[in-house]
Protein backbone atom coordinates (compact mmCIF):
# COMPACT_ATOMS: atom_id res chain seq x y z
CA UNK A 1 0.00 0.00 0.00
CA UNK A 2 2.65 2.52 1.10
CA UNK A 3 5.71 2.24 -1.12
CA UNK A 4 8.87 4.08 -2.16
CA UNK A 5 9.09 4.38 -5.93
CA UNK A 6 12.20 3.31 -7.83
CA UNK A 7 13.60 6.81 -8.51
CA UNK A 8 12.45 8.49 -5.30
CA UNK A 9 14.76 11.00 -3.59
CA UNK A 10 15.09 9.95 0.08
CA UNK A 11 15.04 13.57 1.24
CA UNK A 12 11.55 14.18 -0.14
CA UNK A 13 9.54 11.24 1.17
CA UNK A 14 6.52 11.72 3.40
CA UNK A 15 6.21 9.91 6.72
CA UNK A 16 3.45 8.55 8.95
CA UNK A 17 3.84 10.15 12.40
CA UNK A 18 2.14 10.18 15.78
CA UNK A 19 2.07 13.72 17.19
CA UNK A 20 3.95 14.07 20.46
CA UNK A 21 4.91 17.13 22.50
CA UNK A 22 2.49 19.66 21.00
CA UNK A 23 3.22 23.19 22.27
CA UNK A 24 1.29 26.43 21.96
CA UNK A 25 2.67 28.91 19.43
CA UNK A 26 4.08 31.77 21.53
CA UNK A 27 2.80 34.48 19.18
CA UNK A 28 -0.44 33.08 17.74
CA UNK A 29 -3.52 31.96 19.68
CA UNK A 30 -4.81 29.69 16.90
CA UNK A 31 -1.57 27.88 16.15
CA UNK A 32 0.55 25.27 17.87
CA UNK A 33 3.88 23.58 17.18
CA UNK A 34 5.22 20.03 17.12
CA UNK A 35 8.69 18.58 16.47
CA UNK A 36 8.95 15.88 13.79
CA UNK A 37 12.42 14.47 13.17
CA UNK A 38 13.81 17.62 14.84
CA UNK A 39 11.87 19.80 12.40
CA UNK A 40 9.59 22.41 13.97
CA UNK A 41 6.17 22.15 12.29
CA UNK A 42 3.34 24.64 12.82
CA UNK A 43 -0.23 23.38 12.73
CA UNK A 44 -3.74 24.30 13.86
CA UNK A 45 -5.52 23.74 17.14
CA UNK A 46 -7.44 20.74 15.77
CA UNK A 47 -4.32 18.56 16.14
CA UNK A 48 -4.15 16.61 19.41
CA UNK A 49 -1.51 14.62 21.25
CA UNK A 50 -1.24 11.12 19.78
CA UNK A 51 -3.10 11.92 16.55
CA UNK A 52 -1.83 10.17 13.41
CA UNK A 53 -0.68 12.54 10.67
CA UNK A 54 1.40 12.41 7.48
CA UNK A 55 4.45 14.70 7.41
CA UNK A 56 5.74 16.32 4.19
CA UNK A 57 9.27 17.84 4.21
CA UNK A 58 10.40 21.26 3.00
CA UNK A 59 10.67 21.65 -0.80
CA UNK A 60 8.60 18.58 -1.50
CA UNK A 61 5.76 18.74 -4.02
CA UNK A 62 2.47 17.25 -2.85
CA UNK A 63 -0.02 15.67 -5.24
CA UNK A 64 -2.34 18.30 -6.69
CA UNK A 65 -5.28 15.93 -6.23
CA UNK A 66 -4.64 15.58 -2.49
CA UNK A 67 -4.33 19.34 -2.00
CA UNK A 68 -7.49 19.87 -4.01
CA UNK A 69 -9.45 17.27 -2.06
CA UNK A 70 -8.34 18.87 1.24
CA UNK A 71 -9.18 22.41 -0.03
CA UNK A 72 -5.59 23.51 0.56
CA UNK A 73 -5.02 25.83 -2.41
CA UNK A 74 -4.96 29.61 -2.04
CA UNK A 75 -6.77 29.78 -5.39
CA UNK A 76 -10.14 28.41 -4.25
CA UNK A 77 -11.14 27.52 -7.82
CA UNK A 78 -8.64 24.64 -7.57
CA UNK A 79 -10.28 23.22 -4.45
CA UNK A 80 -12.96 20.55 -4.28
CA UNK A 81 -15.02 23.04 -2.27
CA UNK A 82 -14.64 26.41 -4.04
CA UNK A 83 -15.95 28.19 -0.93
CA UNK A 84 -12.87 27.15 1.08
CA UNK A 85 -9.35 28.52 0.76
CA UNK A 86 -5.94 27.30 1.95
CA UNK A 87 -2.41 28.68 1.61
CA UNK A 88 -0.74 26.44 -1.02
CA UNK A 89 0.20 27.96 -4.36
CA UNK A 90 -0.68 26.05 -7.51
CA UNK A 91 2.87 24.63 -7.67
CA UNK A 92 1.98 22.40 -4.68
CA UNK A 93 5.28 23.19 -2.93
CA UNK A 94 6.03 22.93 0.80
CA UNK A 95 8.07 26.04 1.61
CA UNK A 96 10.45 27.01 4.38
CA UNK A 97 8.94 30.00 6.15
CA UNK A 98 8.38 31.68 9.46
CA UNK A 99 4.90 32.10 10.91
CA UNK A 100 4.67 34.77 13.59
CA UNK A 101 8.40 34.46 14.27
CA UNK A 102 8.59 30.65 14.50
CA UNK A 103 10.16 28.29 11.93
CA UNK A 104 7.84 26.19 9.81
CA UNK A 105 9.86 23.20 8.57
CA UNK A 106 7.32 21.04 6.82
CA UNK A 107 3.60 20.36 6.57
CA UNK A 108 1.33 17.79 8.21
CA UNK A 109 -2.01 16.39 7.08
CA UNK A 110 -4.41 14.23 9.15
CA UNK A 111 -3.79 10.60 8.18
CA UNK A 112 -7.48 9.94 7.56
CA UNK A 113 -7.46 12.45 4.68
CA UNK A 114 -4.51 10.66 3.08
CA UNK A 115 -6.28 7.33 3.64
CA UNK A 116 -9.35 8.60 1.81
CA UNK A 117 -7.30 10.01 -1.04
CA UNK A 118 -5.27 6.84 -1.46
CA UNK A 119 -8.30 4.56 -1.00
CA UNK A 120 -6.43 2.45 1.53
CA UNK A 121 -7.98 -0.80 2.69
CA UNK A 122 -6.09 -0.84 5.99
CA UNK A 123 -5.41 1.68 8.77
CA UNK A 124 -2.49 4.02 8.06
CA UNK A 125 -1.87 4.32 11.80
CA UNK A 126 -0.42 0.82 11.70
CA UNK A 127 2.54 2.27 9.76
CA UNK A 128 3.80 4.97 12.15
CA UNK A 129 7.41 5.75 11.27
CA UNK A 130 7.13 4.49 7.68
CA UNK A 131 8.37 6.71 4.83
CA UNK A 132 6.83 6.53 1.37
CA UNK A 133 6.00 8.53 -1.75
CA UNK A 134 3.39 6.30 -3.39
CA UNK A 135 0.03 4.90 -2.25
CA UNK A 136 -1.53 2.07 -4.23
CA UNK A 137 0.54 3.12 -7.25
CA UNK A 138 -0.41 6.81 -6.99
CA UNK A 139 2.45 9.30 -6.54
CA UNK A 140 1.76 11.39 -3.45
CA UNK A 141 4.96 13.42 -3.08
CA UNK A 142 8.20 14.20 -4.92
CA UNK A 143 11.00 16.75 -4.97
CA UNK A 144 9.85 20.13 -6.25
CA UNK A 145 11.67 21.38 -9.34
CA UNK A 146 11.33 24.64 -11.21
CA UNK A 147 9.65 23.88 -14.57
CA UNK A 148 12.16 24.19 -17.42
CA UNK A 149 11.20 24.16 -21.09
CA UNK A 150 13.38 21.84 -23.14
CA UNK A 151 17.11 22.38 -22.64
CA UNK A 152 18.92 20.72 -19.80
CA UNK A 153 15.95 19.15 -18.07
CA UNK A 154 14.86 17.44 -21.25
CA UNK A 155 18.33 15.86 -21.57
CA UNK A 156 18.35 14.20 -18.15
CA UNK A 157 18.07 10.45 -18.42
CA UNK A 158 19.01 10.10 -22.13
CA UNK A 159 20.95 6.93 -22.80
CA UNK A 160 23.95 6.84 -25.15
CA UNK A 161 23.56 4.82 -28.33
CA UNK A 162 26.68 2.78 -27.68
CA UNK A 163 27.99 2.90 -24.12
CA UNK A 164 31.61 2.31 -23.16
CA UNK A 165 30.74 1.99 -19.47
CA UNK A 166 31.52 -1.19 -17.58
CA UNK A 167 29.01 -2.35 -14.97
CA UNK A 168 30.21 -1.70 -11.43
CA UNK A 169 32.92 0.78 -12.39
CA UNK A 170 31.04 4.08 -12.55
CA UNK A 171 29.07 5.36 -9.55
CA UNK A 172 27.25 8.70 -9.53
CA UNK A 173 26.87 10.91 -6.48
CA UNK A 174 25.02 9.48 -3.51
CA UNK A 175 22.15 11.65 -2.22
CA UNK A 176 23.24 13.15 1.11
CA UNK A 177 20.26 12.57 3.38
CA UNK A 178 18.87 14.94 6.01
CA UNK A 179 20.62 14.49 9.35
CA UNK A 180 17.46 15.41 11.25
CA UNK A 181 15.67 12.25 10.22
CA UNK A 182 18.83 10.10 10.30
CA UNK A 183 20.27 11.13 13.67
CA UNK A 184 19.25 7.70 15.01
CA UNK A 185 22.04 6.29 12.82
CA UNK A 186 24.73 8.22 14.75
CA UNK A 187 26.33 6.58 17.81
CA UNK A 188 28.63 8.38 20.30
CA UNK A 189 31.33 5.82 19.46
CA UNK A 190 31.17 6.50 15.69
CA UNK A 191 34.24 8.03 14.02
CA UNK A 192 32.90 11.09 12.20
CA UNK A 193 33.96 14.17 10.28
CA UNK A 194 32.04 17.47 10.34
CA UNK A 195 32.69 19.54 7.22
CA UNK A 196 31.36 22.75 5.73
CA UNK A 197 28.64 22.28 3.12
CA UNK A 198 29.28 24.52 0.13
CA UNK A 199 26.81 25.68 -2.51
CA UNK A 200 28.11 25.07 -6.03
CA UNK A 201 27.62 22.39 -8.65
CA UNK A 202 28.58 18.73 -8.18
CA UNK A 203 31.25 16.98 -10.25
CA UNK A 204 33.09 13.68 -10.27
CA UNK A 205 35.98 12.29 -12.27
CA UNK A 206 37.00 8.62 -12.22
CA UNK A 207 39.96 6.76 -13.72
CA UNK A 208 38.11 3.48 -14.21
CA UNK A 209 37.84 0.53 -16.55
CA UNK A 210 35.85 1.20 -19.72
CA UNK A 211 35.26 -0.58 -23.01
CA UNK A 212 37.55 0.50 -25.80
CA UNK A 213 36.76 0.73 -29.48
CA UNK A 214 38.26 -2.26 -31.27
CA UNK A 215 39.99 -1.93 -34.62
CA UNK A 216 38.79 -3.99 -37.57
CA UNK A 217 41.78 -6.34 -37.18
CA UNK A 218 41.01 -6.84 -33.51
CA UNK A 219 37.37 -7.59 -34.26
CA UNK A 220 38.37 -10.21 -36.83
CA UNK A 221 40.93 -11.72 -34.42
CA UNK A 222 38.30 -11.92 -31.71
CA UNK A 223 35.87 -13.58 -34.14
CA UNK A 224 38.40 -16.33 -34.77
CA UNK A 225 38.95 -16.88 -31.04
CA UNK A 226 42.03 -14.79 -30.37
CA UNK A 227 42.36 -13.14 -26.97
CA UNK A 228 41.76 -9.41 -27.39
CA UNK A 229 41.91 -6.94 -24.52
CA UNK A 230 38.60 -5.07 -24.61
CA UNK A 231 38.97 -2.93 -21.46
CA UNK A 232 41.24 -0.03 -20.64
CA UNK A 233 41.56 2.50 -17.81
CA UNK A 234 40.34 5.92 -18.87
CA UNK A 235 38.84 9.08 -17.40
CA UNK A 236 35.06 9.18 -17.08
CA UNK A 237 33.40 12.28 -15.66
CA UNK A 238 30.03 13.80 -14.99
CA UNK A 239 27.65 15.86 -12.87
CA UNK A 240 25.44 14.68 -10.04
CA UNK A 241 23.07 12.73 -12.27
CA UNK A 242 24.69 12.40 -15.68
CA UNK A 243 27.76 10.66 -17.15
CA UNK A 244 29.04 13.21 -19.64
CA UNK A 245 31.33 11.01 -21.76
CA UNK A 246 29.60 7.64 -21.72
CA UNK A 247 29.71 7.08 -25.48
CA UNK A 248 32.39 5.20 -27.39
CA UNK A 249 32.09 7.95 -29.98
CA UNK A 250 32.30 11.26 -28.16
CA UNK A 251 29.68 13.55 -29.76
CA UNK A 252 31.05 16.90 -30.91
CA UNK A 253 27.79 18.82 -30.69
CA UNK A 254 26.57 19.02 -27.09
CA UNK A 255 23.95 21.19 -25.43
CA UNK A 256 25.09 22.22 -21.94
CA UNK A 257 23.56 24.21 -19.12
CA UNK A 258 26.58 26.53 -19.00
CA UNK A 259 26.93 26.76 -22.79
CA UNK A 260 30.00 24.50 -22.74
CA UNK A 261 31.01 21.28 -21.02
CA UNK A 262 32.04 22.68 -17.64
CA UNK A 263 32.59 19.17 -16.28
CA UNK A 264 35.00 18.36 -19.11
CA UNK A 265 37.16 21.30 -18.08
CA UNK A 266 37.28 19.88 -14.55
CA UNK A 267 38.31 16.49 -15.95
CA UNK A 268 41.05 18.14 -18.01
CA UNK A 269 42.29 20.09 -14.97
CA UNK A 270 42.60 17.22 -12.50
CA UNK A 271 42.49 13.99 -14.53
CA UNK A 272 46.27 13.52 -14.62
CA UNK A 273 46.34 13.34 -10.81
CA UNK A 274 43.83 10.48 -10.44
CA UNK A 275 45.32 6.98 -9.96
CA UNK A 276 43.80 3.99 -11.72
CA UNK A 277 40.67 2.81 -9.97
CA UNK A 278 40.10 6.06 -8.09
CA UNK A 279 37.12 8.43 -8.38
CA UNK A 280 37.05 11.96 -6.96
CA UNK A 281 33.78 13.67 -6.02
CA UNK A 282 33.51 17.36 -5.33
CA UNK A 283 31.94 20.76 -5.69
CA UNK A 284 32.81 23.54 -8.15
CA UNK A 285 32.41 27.00 -6.63
CA UNK A 286 32.43 30.52 -7.97
CA UNK A 287 31.92 31.25 -11.67
CA UNK A 288 32.06 29.54 -15.04
CA UNK A 289 34.56 30.68 -17.68
CA UNK A 290 31.99 33.13 -19.08
CA UNK A 291 31.71 34.92 -15.75
CA UNK A 292 28.29 33.50 -14.86
CA UNK A 293 27.83 32.58 -11.21
CA UNK A 294 27.53 28.85 -10.66
CA UNK A 295 25.16 29.63 -7.81
CA UNK A 296 23.74 33.12 -7.75
CA UNK A 297 25.28 35.39 -5.05
CA UNK A 298 27.72 32.70 -3.80
CA UNK A 299 31.17 33.86 -5.01
CA UNK A 300 33.33 31.93 -2.49
CA UNK A 301 36.00 34.61 -2.82
CA UNK A 302 36.53 33.99 -6.53
CA UNK A 303 37.64 37.03 -8.50
CA UNK A 304 40.13 38.04 -11.16
CA UNK A 305 42.16 35.11 -12.46
CA UNK A 306 40.69 32.80 -9.81
CA UNK A 307 37.26 32.40 -11.38
CA UNK A 308 36.43 29.09 -9.75
CA UNK A 309 37.50 26.71 -6.98
CA UNK A 310 37.33 22.92 -6.87
CA UNK A 311 36.62 21.21 -3.58
CA UNK A 312 36.93 17.45 -3.00
CA UNK A 313 34.71 15.83 -0.37
CA UNK A 314 34.81 12.13 -1.29
CA UNK A 315 37.30 9.71 -2.88
CA UNK A 316 36.65 6.05 -3.68
CA UNK A 317 38.70 3.17 -5.02
CA UNK A 318 37.05 0.66 -7.36
CA UNK A 319 38.72 -2.69 -8.05
CA UNK A 320 38.47 -4.37 -11.48
CA UNK A 321 35.76 -6.66 -10.11
CA UNK A 322 33.71 -3.69 -8.86
CA UNK A 323 34.46 -3.60 -5.11
CA UNK A 324 34.22 0.02 -3.91
CA UNK A 325 36.04 1.30 -0.82
CA UNK A 326 35.95 4.76 0.75
CA UNK A 327 38.92 6.91 1.77
CA UNK A 328 38.67 8.53 5.21
CA UNK A 329 38.72 12.32 5.55
CA UNK A 330 42.42 12.39 6.63
CA UNK A 331 43.29 10.26 3.58
CA UNK A 332 41.29 12.59 1.32
CA UNK A 333 43.09 15.60 2.80
CA UNK A 334 46.51 13.96 2.44
CA UNK A 335 45.87 13.09 -1.21
CA UNK A 336 44.54 16.57 -2.02
CA UNK A 337 47.54 18.24 -0.37
CA UNK A 338 49.89 16.05 -2.39
CA UNK A 339 48.39 16.91 -5.79
CA UNK A 340 47.43 20.53 -5.07
CA UNK A 341 43.67 20.13 -4.66
CA UNK A 342 41.46 21.41 -1.83
CA UNK A 343 39.52 19.10 0.47
CA UNK A 344 36.24 20.27 2.00
CA UNK A 345 36.71 22.52 5.04
CA UNK A 346 36.97 20.45 8.22
CA UNK A 347 35.50 21.49 11.59
CA UNK A 348 35.97 18.24 13.49
CA UNK A 349 37.34 14.71 13.08
CA UNK A 350 37.03 12.11 15.82
CA UNK A 351 34.43 10.23 17.82
CA UNK A 352 30.97 11.79 17.89
CA UNK A 353 30.94 11.45 21.67
CA UNK A 354 34.13 13.52 21.87
CA UNK A 355 32.67 16.38 19.85
CA UNK A 356 29.61 16.43 22.07
CA UNK A 357 30.53 14.93 25.44
CA UNK A 358 28.65 11.71 26.12
CA UNK A 359 26.64 12.01 29.30
CA UNK A 360 25.79 8.48 30.33
CA UNK A 361 23.20 9.74 32.81
CA UNK A 362 20.98 10.70 29.86
CA UNK A 363 19.33 8.51 27.25
CA UNK A 364 20.75 8.02 23.77
CA UNK A 365 17.72 9.88 22.40
CA UNK A 366 18.55 12.91 24.57
CA UNK A 367 22.21 12.78 23.49
CA UNK A 368 21.15 12.81 19.84
CA UNK A 369 18.76 15.72 20.43
CA UNK A 370 21.56 17.68 22.11
CA UNK A 371 23.96 16.71 19.30
CA UNK A 372 21.65 18.27 16.68
CA UNK A 373 21.05 21.39 18.77
CA UNK A 374 24.76 21.93 19.33
CA UNK A 375 25.50 21.52 15.63
CA UNK A 376 22.91 24.17 14.83
CA UNK A 377 24.29 26.54 17.43
CA UNK A 378 27.90 26.05 16.36
CA UNK A 379 27.61 26.10 12.59
CA UNK A 380 24.18 27.19 11.31
CA UNK A 381 22.39 30.52 10.74
CA UNK A 382 25.57 32.51 10.11
CA UNK A 383 26.90 34.24 7.00
CA UNK A 384 29.07 32.13 4.70
CA UNK A 385 32.64 32.79 5.87
CA UNK A 386 34.06 31.74 2.46
CA UNK A 387 32.07 34.32 0.44
CA UNK A 388 32.93 38.00 0.12
CA UNK A 389 29.29 38.97 -0.26
CA UNK A 390 26.74 38.47 2.53
CA UNK A 391 24.88 35.19 1.98
CA UNK A 392 23.71 32.51 4.42
CA UNK A 393 25.93 29.49 4.91
CA UNK A 394 24.37 26.29 3.61
CA UNK A 395 25.17 24.13 6.63
CA UNK A 396 27.37 21.19 7.53
CA UNK A 397 27.83 17.54 6.56
CA UNK A 398 28.33 14.83 9.16
CA UNK A 399 30.06 11.79 7.69
CA UNK A 400 30.37 8.47 9.50
CA UNK A 401 33.57 6.74 8.44
CA UNK A 402 32.84 3.38 6.82
CA UNK A 403 35.14 1.35 4.58
CA UNK A 404 32.47 0.08 2.19
CA UNK A 405 29.60 2.60 2.36
CA UNK A 406 29.19 6.37 2.01
CA UNK A 407 27.32 7.53 5.11
CA UNK A 408 26.98 11.31 4.92
CA UNK A 409 24.18 13.43 6.36
CA UNK A 410 23.51 17.14 5.84
CA UNK A 411 22.18 19.70 8.30
CA UNK A 412 21.08 22.81 6.43
CA UNK A 413 20.78 26.25 7.94
CA UNK A 414 17.18 27.51 8.14
CA UNK A 415 18.35 30.84 6.71
CA UNK A 416 19.65 28.93 3.69
CA UNK A 417 16.37 26.99 3.36
CA UNK A 418 14.53 30.33 3.31
CA UNK A 419 16.99 31.58 0.68
CA UNK A 420 16.35 28.46 -1.44
CA UNK A 421 12.61 28.98 -1.13
CA UNK A 422 12.95 32.57 -2.33
CA UNK A 423 15.06 31.47 -5.32
CA UNK A 424 12.42 28.89 -6.26
CA UNK A 425 9.71 31.55 -5.88
CA UNK A 426 11.69 33.62 -8.39
CA UNK A 427 11.81 30.70 -10.84
CA UNK A 428 15.54 30.09 -10.43
CA UNK A 429 16.32 26.61 -11.87
CA UNK A 430 17.99 24.07 -9.61
CA UNK A 431 21.29 23.38 -11.38
CA UNK A 432 21.82 20.19 -9.38
CA UNK A 433 18.47 18.84 -10.58
CA UNK A 434 19.19 19.64 -14.21
CA UNK A 435 22.67 18.14 -14.33
């Protein structure tokens, strides 16, 4: 009944919750607040302790049919009852905002309304804690994206006619999940790094095994049973979602978001430093070669001849048989220092319980709550110290060191979430979503 679709983004799933710890809004008589996964959510007085609701995160897009059936649109002509009016715009987006001075970090709907919309046979309250985006095959929620006509968005997902990629060798970026809803995965004994989260565009370059184009002689030799080497180590590169040089025949005419292949320039700049089997993942900050900001307002101190900066936050090693291992932050830093690259800015490396002292007189749940609150106090809601202009810092990334799995969680500043909401209101395209 409640499922996660194949291509769902884990940061934009809804969740069945039981309301606990409702508090009166300090500045509004008709509103109250509740914490869900350490997100402060504002709701009406009709919500009671223990009620079952469905939570939708910031910057998710809720099904138009659900919002219509619950009369949630500001434009009452879109509602099932045209005499009722809500506050959602017709883009169906959950926004980061403040209501009477308090943060609103999501949206909740009574579970019975979702049950009715999804025509569930069972009781949704039996699934408290479950995340999903689909009910009985109907998509309920997804990540909101600014509509883009043609261009880059239309290119996402296109498959090359003849791929040179070898299964198990190329791995795109892993979605960094929200720390608030994943704090239960952090133990005081975990070895972690806390790094600055920068706001640019994602890139990766790997020196991995790929198929090579065989000559006519080699094809004939292979046909007659001769042993022909068909694989070779070569540089493959791309953005968050797309492999940019996946074809055996590299197309000369390409349509790119920046007007040229920005990711190819990164590959050309750093490719010679990447050992066989290694893949570097990072962020490009500042401006493209045409002087256009990679992320509007976020200059990261780039000016003059220094028009961009490359930052490395992850390095993997992939064996010929596809086993992937992760370098630790100190190893990443040591490699970057050796070849003249920059690793992501480090705030802390060590055991989580050493960064926030483990008090064994409290419960693990309390320790985790205090861990989140201290992170926010130490690193969030300030101006970006790397930028010359005044913009909010994006937040931090907490990474749990693991040899075989990338375990990284982001904690975004609320000021930055508000900034993102304003950019989306202005129709600014999400570069990460397009590339």
